[in-house]
Amino acid sequence: MPARPERSTRTVIRGRMMRCGLAAMTVAPRKALALTRTASVSDPAVGGAPWHRGRVIRRSAGGGKGWLAGPWDCAVPVALGFADCGVDDPHHHDEMYEIYLVARGQSTAVVDGEAVPLQAGDLLVVEPGEEHTFVANSEDYLHFVVQAPFVVGDKRSS
């Protein structure tokens, strides 16, 4: 693994999602957090273009965490996931960055031993080699995560 440059502060961008160009995003009530795919005219199953173009992802009953899209099932070169709870699972990645966008609520991440408080609208960038986990969250918590570049098997438990 290449050496990471030294850093003096954690990369956390604070602010409302509207400022990040995501004003159209809405978040459903906590009781509807599991995400599922729905067919659209772009879905190959109905004779359209590649299914990830124009695809709609809808919420259904349930919750927890999961993956919405990634190279395992489409041409998108990054993995996109979500979680509605802090999952205390300390780990790191050798090659992937993880970018967390907090959509709702508050949480506490721990990155390389540093507690990082997060709230709706915050973006946290975790670099390759940084041990990280989420240890607490509010009842209404929801974040999205992007793994880039996506590398199969790059999660290392700490």
N, C-alpha and C. Protein backbone atom coordinates (compact mmCIF):
# COMPACT_ATOMS: atom_id res chain seq x y z
N MET A 1 0.85 -1.17 0.00
CA MET A 1 0.00 0.00 0.00
C MET A 1 0.89 1.24 0.00
N PRO A 2 0.63 2.21 -0.89
CA PRO A 2 1.42 3.42 -0.90
C PRO A 2 1.22 4.22 0.39
N ALA A 3 2.25 4.94 0.81
CA ALA A 3 2.17 5.76 2.02
C ALA A 3 1.18 6.89 1.81
N ARG A 4 0.38 7.16 2.84
CA ARG A 4 -0.56 8.27 2.78
C ARG A 4 0.15 9.54 3.21
N PRO A 5 -0.22 10.66 2.62
CA PRO A 5 0.37 11.92 3.08
C PRO A 5 -0.12 12.21 4.49
N GLU A 6 0.72 12.90 5.28
CA GLU A 6 0.32 13.29 6.63
C GLU A 6 -0.81 14.31 6.54
N ARG A 7 -1.72 14.26 7.50
CA ARG A 7 -2.82 15.20 7.49
C ARG A 7 -2.95 15.82 8.87
N SER A 8 -3.38 17.06 8.89
CA SER A 8 -3.51 17.75 10.16
C SER A 8 -4.95 17.75 10.66
N THR A 9 -5.92 17.60 9.76
CA THR A 9 -7.32 17.59 10.18
C THR A 9 -8.09 16.56 9.38
N ARG A 10 -9.18 16.09 9.94
CA ARG A 10 -10.06 15.13 9.29
C ARG A 10 -10.85 15.87 8.22
N THR A 11 -11.13 15.20 7.10
CA THR A 11 -11.93 15.82 6.05
C THR A 11 -13.41 15.64 6.37
N VAL A 12 -14.00 16.68 6.92
CA VAL A 12 -15.44 16.71 7.19
C VAL A 12 -15.95 18.02 6.61
N ILE A 13 -16.88 17.94 5.71
CA ILE A 13 -17.49 19.13 5.13
C ILE A 13 -18.84 19.30 5.79
N ARG A 14 -19.04 20.43 6.43
CA ARG A 14 -20.28 20.67 7.16
C ARG A 14 -21.18 21.59 6.36
N GLY A 15 -22.46 21.37 6.47
CA GLY A 15 -23.40 22.24 5.80
C GLY A 15 -24.63 21.50 5.34
N ARG A 16 -25.55 22.22 4.75
CA ARG A 16 -26.78 21.62 4.27
C ARG A 16 -26.54 20.97 2.92
N MET A 17 -27.21 19.86 2.66
CA MET A 17 -27.04 19.16 1.39
C MET A 17 -27.41 20.04 0.22
N MET A 18 -28.31 20.99 0.42
CA MET A 18 -28.70 21.87 -0.68
C MET A 18 -27.50 22.56 -1.30
N ARG A 19 -26.54 22.89 -0.47
CA ARG A 19 -25.35 23.57 -0.96
C ARG A 19 -24.48 22.64 -1.79
N CYS A 20 -24.73 21.34 -1.70
CA CYS A 20 -23.95 20.35 -2.44
C CYS A 20 -24.66 19.93 -3.71
N GLY A 21 -25.73 20.63 -4.08
CA GLY A 21 -26.44 20.29 -5.30
C GLY A 21 -27.43 19.15 -5.15
N LEU A 22 -27.81 18.82 -3.93
CA LEU A 22 -28.72 17.70 -3.71
C LEU A 22 -30.07 18.16 -3.18
N ALA A 23 -30.48 19.35 -3.55
CA ALA A 23 -31.72 19.92 -3.02
C ALA A 23 -32.93 19.05 -3.31
N ALA A 24 -32.93 18.30 -4.38
CA ALA A 24 -34.10 17.50 -4.75
C ALA A 24 -34.22 16.22 -3.93
N MET A 25 -33.19 15.88 -3.17
CA MET A 25 -33.21 14.64 -2.40
C MET A 25 -34.16 14.77 -1.22
N THR A 26 -35.00 13.77 -1.03
CA THR A 26 -35.87 13.75 0.13
C THR A 26 -35.65 12.45 0.87
N VAL A 27 -35.90 12.45 2.15
CA VAL A 27 -35.68 11.27 2.97
C VAL A 27 -37.00 10.89 3.62
N ALA A 28 -37.37 9.62 3.46
CA ALA A 28 -38.64 9.12 3.99
C ALA A 28 -38.55 8.92 5.50
N PRO A 29 -39.66 8.75 6.20
CA PRO A 29 -39.63 8.48 7.64
C PRO A 29 -38.84 7.22 7.95
N ARG A 30 -38.31 7.12 9.16
CA ARG A 30 -37.45 6.01 9.58
C ARG A 30 -38.07 4.64 9.34
N LYS A 31 -39.37 4.50 9.41
CA LYS A 31 -39.99 3.18 9.26
C LYS A 31 -39.84 2.62 7.86
N ALA A 32 -39.30 3.36 6.93
CA ALA A 32 -39.18 2.89 5.55
C ALA A 32 -37.75 3.09 5.05
N LEU A 33 -36.80 2.31 5.57
CA LEU A 33 -35.41 2.57 5.24
C LEU A 33 -34.73 1.54 4.35
N ALA A 34 -35.25 0.32 4.24
CA ALA A 34 -34.62 -0.63 3.33
C ALA A 34 -34.88 -0.15 1.91
N LEU A 35 -33.91 -0.32 1.03
CA LEU A 35 -34.03 0.21 -0.32
C LEU A 35 -34.10 -0.93 -1.32
N THR A 36 -34.94 -0.79 -2.31
CA THR A 36 -35.08 -1.81 -3.34
C THR A 36 -35.11 -1.15 -4.70
N ARG A 37 -34.78 -1.90 -5.72
CA ARG A 37 -34.82 -1.37 -7.09
C ARG A 37 -36.22 -1.50 -7.66
N THR A 38 -36.58 -0.59 -8.53
CA THR A 38 -37.84 -0.72 -9.25
C THR A 38 -37.53 -0.62 -10.74
N ALA A 39 -38.31 -1.29 -11.53
CA ALA A 39 -38.10 -1.25 -12.98
C ALA A 39 -38.48 0.11 -13.53
N SER A 40 -37.83 0.49 -14.60
CA SER A 40 -38.18 1.72 -15.30
C SER A 40 -38.05 1.43 -16.79
N VAL A 41 -38.37 2.39 -17.62
CA VAL A 41 -38.26 2.16 -19.06
C VAL A 41 -36.81 1.93 -19.47
N SER A 42 -35.86 2.26 -18.59
CA SER A 42 -34.46 2.03 -18.89
C SER A 42 -33.97 0.65 -18.44
N ASP A 43 -34.83 -0.12 -17.83
CA ASP A 43 -34.45 -1.43 -17.31
C ASP A 43 -34.36 -2.43 -18.46
N PRO A 44 -33.23 -3.17 -18.59
CA PRO A 44 -33.13 -4.16 -19.67
C PRO A 44 -34.23 -5.20 -19.62
N ALA A 45 -34.76 -5.45 -18.41
CA ALA A 45 -35.83 -6.45 -18.29
C ALA A 45 -37.08 -6.01 -19.04
N VAL A 46 -37.21 -4.71 -19.30
CA VAL A 46 -38.35 -4.23 -20.06
C VAL A 46 -37.91 -3.65 -21.40
N GLY A 47 -36.73 -4.07 -21.86
CA GLY A 47 -36.27 -3.71 -23.19
C GLY A 47 -35.60 -2.35 -23.33
N GLY A 48 -35.14 -1.75 -22.25
CA GLY A 48 -34.53 -0.43 -22.32
C GLY A 48 -33.02 -0.47 -22.41
N ALA A 49 -32.40 0.68 -22.18
CA ALA A 49 -30.95 0.83 -22.16
C ALA A 49 -30.41 0.18 -20.90
N PRO A 50 -29.08 0.24 -20.63
CA PRO A 50 -28.55 -0.35 -19.41
C PRO A 50 -29.37 0.10 -18.19
N TRP A 51 -29.67 -0.85 -17.29
CA TRP A 51 -30.65 -0.60 -16.23
C TRP A 51 -30.27 0.53 -15.30
N HIS A 52 -28.97 0.85 -15.14
CA HIS A 52 -28.60 1.90 -14.19
C HIS A 52 -28.90 3.30 -14.71
N ARG A 53 -29.20 3.46 -15.98
CA ARG A 53 -29.55 4.76 -16.52
C ARG A 53 -31.02 5.03 -16.27
N GLY A 54 -31.33 6.07 -15.53
CA GLY A 54 -32.72 6.40 -15.25
C GLY A 54 -33.38 5.49 -14.24
N ARG A 55 -32.62 4.66 -13.57
CA ARG A 55 -33.17 3.72 -12.59
C ARG A 55 -33.64 4.47 -11.36
N VAL A 56 -34.72 4.01 -10.78
CA VAL A 56 -35.27 4.60 -9.57
C VAL A 56 -35.09 3.58 -8.45
N ILE A 57 -34.63 4.05 -7.29
CA ILE A 57 -34.51 3.19 -6.12
C ILE A 57 -35.53 3.67 -5.11
N ARG A 58 -36.42 2.77 -4.70
CA ARG A 58 -37.49 3.13 -3.77
C ARG A 58 -37.27 2.46 -2.43
N ARG A 59 -37.82 3.06 -1.40
CA ARG A 59 -37.73 2.52 -0.05
C ARG A 59 -38.85 1.50 0.19
N SER A 60 -38.55 0.51 1.01
CA SER A 60 -39.57 -0.45 1.42
C SER A 60 -39.40 -0.70 2.92
N ALA A 61 -40.25 -1.51 3.51
CA ALA A 61 -40.18 -1.76 4.94
C ALA A 61 -38.85 -2.39 5.32
N GLY A 62 -38.39 -2.11 6.50
CA GLY A 62 -37.14 -2.68 7.00
C GLY A 62 -36.16 -1.60 7.36
N GLY A 63 -34.90 -1.93 7.42
CA GLY A 63 -33.88 -0.96 7.78
C GLY A 63 -32.54 -1.63 7.93
N GLY A 64 -31.58 -0.91 8.49
CA GLY A 64 -30.25 -1.43 8.72
C GLY A 64 -29.25 -0.82 7.78
N LYS A 65 -28.59 -1.65 6.98
CA LYS A 65 -27.61 -1.16 6.03
C LYS A 65 -27.62 -2.07 4.81
N GLY A 66 -27.08 -1.56 3.70
CA GLY A 66 -27.05 -2.36 2.50
C GLY A 66 -26.43 -1.60 1.34
N TRP A 67 -26.39 -2.26 0.21
CA TRP A 67 -25.79 -1.69 -1.01
C TRP A 67 -26.88 -1.46 -2.04
N LEU A 68 -26.80 -0.31 -2.70
CA LEU A 68 -27.79 0.06 -3.70
C LEU A 68 -27.34 -0.27 -5.11
N ALA A 69 -26.09 0.01 -5.41
CA ALA A 69 -25.57 -0.22 -6.76
C ALA A 69 -24.05 -0.33 -6.68
N GLY A 70 -23.49 -1.02 -7.65
CA GLY A 70 -22.03 -1.16 -7.70
C GLY A 70 -21.62 -2.02 -8.87
N PRO A 71 -20.31 -2.18 -9.06
CA PRO A 71 -19.80 -2.93 -10.21
C PRO A 71 -20.24 -4.38 -10.26
N TRP A 72 -20.74 -4.92 -9.16
CA TRP A 72 -21.19 -6.31 -9.15
C TRP A 72 -22.49 -6.51 -9.93
N ASP A 73 -23.25 -5.41 -10.17
CA ASP A 73 -24.51 -5.61 -10.88
C ASP A 73 -24.79 -4.54 -11.94
N CYS A 74 -23.82 -3.67 -12.23
CA CYS A 74 -24.02 -2.66 -13.27
C CYS A 74 -22.68 -2.06 -13.67
N ALA A 75 -22.71 -1.11 -14.56
CA ALA A 75 -21.48 -0.49 -15.07
C ALA A 75 -20.98 0.66 -14.20
N VAL A 76 -21.67 0.95 -13.10
CA VAL A 76 -21.22 2.03 -12.21
C VAL A 76 -19.92 1.59 -11.55
N PRO A 77 -18.82 2.37 -11.66
CA PRO A 77 -17.51 1.92 -11.16
C PRO A 77 -17.27 2.16 -9.68
N VAL A 78 -18.28 2.61 -8.94
CA VAL A 78 -18.16 2.80 -7.50
C VAL A 78 -19.30 2.04 -6.84
N ALA A 79 -19.16 1.79 -5.53
CA ALA A 79 -20.23 1.16 -4.78
C ALA A 79 -20.99 2.24 -4.03
N LEU A 80 -22.32 2.16 -4.03
CA LEU A 80 -23.17 3.11 -3.32
C LEU A 80 -24.02 2.34 -2.32
N GLY A 81 -23.90 2.70 -1.04
CA GLY A 81 -24.65 2.02 0.00
C GLY A 81 -25.30 2.99 0.95
N PHE A 82 -25.95 2.45 1.99
CA PHE A 82 -26.64 3.26 2.99
C PHE A 82 -26.60 2.55 4.33
N ALA A 83 -26.83 3.30 5.40
CA ALA A 83 -27.02 2.73 6.73
C ALA A 83 -27.88 3.69 7.54
N ASP A 84 -28.75 3.12 8.36
CA ASP A 84 -29.59 3.95 9.22
C ASP A 84 -29.26 3.74 10.69
N CYS A 85 -28.08 3.18 10.93
CA CYS A 85 -27.65 2.98 12.31
C CYS A 85 -26.12 2.94 12.35
N GLY A 86 -25.59 3.26 13.53
CA GLY A 86 -24.14 3.14 13.71
C GLY A 86 -23.80 1.67 13.86
N VAL A 87 -22.94 1.18 13.02
CA VAL A 87 -22.56 -0.23 13.05
C VAL A 87 -21.12 -0.29 13.56
N ASP A 88 -20.94 -0.70 14.81
CA ASP A 88 -19.61 -0.71 15.41
C ASP A 88 -18.82 -1.88 14.84
N ASP A 89 -18.15 -1.63 13.73
CA ASP A 89 -17.39 -2.64 12.98
C ASP A 89 -16.07 -2.00 12.52
N PRO A 90 -15.10 -1.83 13.46
CA PRO A 90 -13.84 -1.17 13.07
C PRO A 90 -13.14 -1.92 11.94
N HIS A 91 -12.79 -1.17 10.90
CA HIS A 91 -12.12 -1.77 9.74
C HIS A 91 -11.41 -0.68 8.96
N HIS A 92 -10.64 -1.10 7.96
CA HIS A 92 -10.02 -0.15 7.04
C HIS A 92 -10.00 -0.78 5.66
N HIS A 93 -9.65 0.01 4.68
CA HIS A 93 -9.53 -0.44 3.30
C HIS A 93 -8.13 -0.09 2.81
N ASP A 94 -7.52 -0.99 2.08
CA ASP A 94 -6.17 -0.75 1.57
C ASP A 94 -6.16 0.24 0.41
N GLU A 95 -7.19 0.17 -0.45
CA GLU A 95 -7.18 0.99 -1.66
C GLU A 95 -8.37 1.93 -1.80
N MET A 96 -9.49 1.60 -1.17
CA MET A 96 -10.71 2.38 -1.38
C MET A 96 -10.81 3.57 -0.44
N TYR A 97 -11.36 4.65 -0.96
CA TYR A 97 -11.84 5.77 -0.15
C TYR A 97 -13.30 5.47 0.16
N GLU A 98 -13.77 5.93 1.32
CA GLU A 98 -15.20 5.88 1.61
C GLU A 98 -15.66 7.31 1.90
N ILE A 99 -16.72 7.69 1.22
CA ILE A 99 -17.26 9.04 1.34
C ILE A 99 -18.67 8.90 1.90
N TYR A 100 -18.89 9.42 3.10
CA TYR A 100 -20.17 9.31 3.79
C TYR A 100 -20.90 10.64 3.72
N LEU A 101 -22.15 10.63 3.28
CA LEU A 101 -23.01 11.81 3.27
C LEU A 101 -24.15 11.56 4.25
N VAL A 102 -24.20 12.36 5.31
CA VAL A 102 -25.24 12.20 6.32
C VAL A 102 -26.49 12.91 5.84
N ALA A 103 -27.53 12.14 5.59
CA ALA A 103 -28.78 12.68 5.06
C ALA A 103 -29.72 13.14 6.17
N ARG A 104 -29.65 12.47 7.33
CA ARG A 104 -30.60 12.78 8.39
C ARG A 104 -30.01 12.37 9.73
N GLY A 105 -30.29 13.12 10.78
CA GLY A 105 -29.89 12.77 12.14
C GLY A 105 -28.45 13.11 12.46
N GLN A 106 -27.96 12.48 13.55
CA GLN A 106 -26.58 12.67 14.00
C GLN A 106 -25.95 11.32 14.27
N SER A 107 -24.61 11.30 14.21
CA SER A 107 -23.86 10.08 14.48
C SER A 107 -22.47 10.46 14.96
N THR A 108 -21.79 9.49 15.53
CA THR A 108 -20.38 9.67 15.89
C THR A 108 -19.59 8.59 15.18
N ALA A 109 -18.69 9.02 14.32
CA ALA A 109 -17.74 8.11 13.68
C ALA A 109 -16.44 8.17 14.47
N VAL A 110 -15.68 7.10 14.44
CA VAL A 110 -14.34 7.11 15.01
C VAL A 110 -13.40 6.75 13.87
N VAL A 111 -12.47 7.67 13.55
CA VAL A 111 -11.54 7.48 12.46
C VAL A 111 -10.12 7.59 13.02
N ASP A 112 -9.36 6.51 12.90
CA ASP A 112 -8.00 6.45 13.47
C ASP A 112 -7.98 6.93 14.92
N GLY A 113 -8.98 6.49 15.71
CA GLY A 113 -9.04 6.81 17.12
C GLY A 113 -9.63 8.17 17.46
N GLU A 114 -9.97 8.97 16.47
CA GLU A 114 -10.53 10.30 16.69
C GLU A 114 -12.04 10.27 16.54
N ALA A 115 -12.77 10.70 17.58
CA ALA A 115 -14.23 10.78 17.50
C ALA A 115 -14.59 11.95 16.59
N VAL A 116 -15.47 11.68 15.62
CA VAL A 116 -15.89 12.70 14.65
C VAL A 116 -17.41 12.81 14.72
N PRO A 117 -17.93 13.88 15.37
CA PRO A 117 -19.39 14.06 15.40
C PRO A 117 -19.90 14.48 14.03
N LEU A 118 -21.00 13.88 13.60
CA LEU A 118 -21.59 14.17 12.29
C LEU A 118 -23.06 14.52 12.45
N GLN A 119 -23.56 15.35 11.56
CA GLN A 119 -24.97 15.72 11.56
C GLN A 119 -25.45 15.82 10.12
N ALA A 120 -26.76 15.93 9.94
CA ALA A 120 -27.35 16.00 8.59
C ALA A 120 -26.65 17.08 7.76
N GLY A 121 -26.29 16.71 6.55
CA GLY A 121 -25.61 17.63 5.64
C GLY A 121 -24.11 17.50 5.65
N ASP A 122 -23.53 16.77 6.63
CA ASP A 122 -22.08 16.60 6.69
C ASP A 122 -21.61 15.53 5.72
N LEU A 123 -20.39 15.69 5.26
CA LEU A 123 -19.74 14.72 4.38
C LEU A 123 -18.42 14.35 5.03
N LEU A 124 -18.16 13.06 5.22
CA LEU A 124 -16.93 12.57 5.83
C LEU A 124 -16.17 11.76 4.79
N VAL A 125 -14.90 12.08 4.58
CA VAL A 125 -14.05 11.34 3.65
C VAL A 125 -13.08 10.51 4.49
N VAL A 126 -13.12 9.18 4.31
CA VAL A 126 -12.20 8.27 4.98
C VAL A 126 -11.24 7.76 3.92
N GLU A 127 -9.95 7.97 4.15
CA GLU A 127 -8.92 7.60 3.17
C GLU A 127 -8.47 6.16 3.35
N PRO A 128 -7.88 5.57 2.30
CA PRO A 128 -7.36 4.21 2.43
C PRO A 128 -6.41 4.11 3.62
N GLY A 129 -6.53 3.01 4.37
CA GLY A 129 -5.65 2.78 5.51
C GLY A 129 -6.16 3.36 6.82
N GLU A 130 -7.18 4.21 6.80
CA GLU A 130 -7.71 4.79 8.03
C GLU A 130 -8.73 3.84 8.64
N GLU A 131 -8.48 3.42 9.89
CA GLU A 131 -9.44 2.58 10.60
C GLU A 131 -10.65 3.44 10.95
N HIS A 132 -11.84 2.91 10.73
CA HIS A 132 -13.05 3.69 10.99
C HIS A 132 -14.22 2.80 11.38
N THR A 133 -15.17 3.42 12.09
CA THR A 133 -16.40 2.76 12.48
C THR A 133 -17.39 3.84 12.91
N PHE A 134 -18.63 3.46 13.10
CA PHE A 134 -19.67 4.35 13.62
C PHE A 134 -20.12 3.76 14.94
N VAL A 135 -20.10 4.55 16.02
CA VAL A 135 -20.35 4.00 17.34
C VAL A 135 -21.66 4.46 17.97
N ALA A 136 -22.29 5.50 17.45
CA ALA A 136 -23.54 6.01 18.03
C ALA A 136 -24.31 6.74 16.94
N ASN A 137 -25.63 6.81 17.12
CA ASN A 137 -26.45 7.54 16.17
C ASN A 137 -27.78 7.90 16.81
N SER A 138 -28.43 8.92 16.25
CA SER A 138 -29.78 9.28 16.68
C SER A 138 -30.78 8.32 16.06
N GLU A 139 -31.99 8.30 16.60
CA GLU A 139 -33.04 7.41 16.09
C GLU A 139 -33.37 7.63 14.62
N ASP A 140 -33.24 8.88 14.16
CA ASP A 140 -33.63 9.21 12.79
C ASP A 140 -32.44 9.20 11.82
N TYR A 141 -31.32 8.59 12.21
CA TYR A 141 -30.08 8.65 11.43
C TYR A 141 -30.19 7.93 10.08
N LEU A 142 -29.55 8.52 9.06
CA LEU A 142 -29.41 7.89 7.75
C LEU A 142 -28.20 8.49 7.04
N HIS A 143 -27.30 7.63 6.54
CA HIS A 143 -26.21 8.12 5.69
C HIS A 143 -26.12 7.28 4.43
N PHE A 144 -25.51 7.89 3.41
CA PHE A 144 -25.16 7.19 2.19
C PHE A 144 -23.65 7.12 2.13
N VAL A 145 -23.12 6.05 1.53
CA VAL A 145 -21.67 5.90 1.43
C VAL A 145 -21.30 5.52 -0.01
N VAL A 146 -20.20 6.11 -0.48
CA VAL A 146 -19.64 5.78 -1.80
C VAL A 146 -18.26 5.20 -1.55
N GLN A 147 -17.96 4.04 -2.13
CA GLN A 147 -16.63 3.44 -2.08
C GLN A 147 -15.99 3.62 -3.45
N ALA A 148 -14.81 4.26 -3.48
CA ALA A 148 -14.14 4.52 -4.75
C ALA A 148 -12.63 4.51 -4.57
N PRO A 149 -11.88 3.95 -5.49
CA PRO A 149 -12.40 3.05 -6.52
C PRO A 149 -12.84 1.75 -5.86
N PHE A 150 -13.92 1.15 -6.35
CA PHE A 150 -14.39 -0.08 -5.74
C PHE A 150 -13.40 -1.21 -6.01
N VAL A 151 -13.00 -1.93 -4.93
CA VAL A 151 -12.07 -3.04 -5.04
C VAL A 151 -12.66 -4.21 -4.25
N VAL A 152 -12.95 -5.30 -4.92
CA VAL A 152 -13.50 -6.49 -4.28
C VAL A 152 -12.56 -6.98 -3.19
N GLY A 153 -13.10 -7.27 -2.00
CA GLY A 153 -12.31 -7.85 -0.91
C GLY A 153 -11.38 -6.88 -0.21
N ASP A 154 -11.63 -5.57 -0.33
CA ASP A 154 -10.70 -4.58 0.24
C ASP A 154 -11.02 -4.20 1.69
N LYS A 155 -11.97 -4.84 2.33
CA LYS A 155 -12.29 -4.53 3.72
C LYS A 155 -11.44 -5.40 4.64
N ARG A 156 -10.74 -4.74 5.57
CA ARG A 156 -9.87 -5.44 6.53
C ARG A 156 -10.36 -5.14 7.95
N SER A 157 -10.80 -6.17 8.67
CA SER A 157 -11.24 -5.97 10.06
C SER A 157 -10.05 -5.60 10.92
N SER A 158 -10.32 -4.75 11.89
CA SER A 158 -9.24 -4.29 12.79
C SER A 158 -9.26 -5.03 14.10
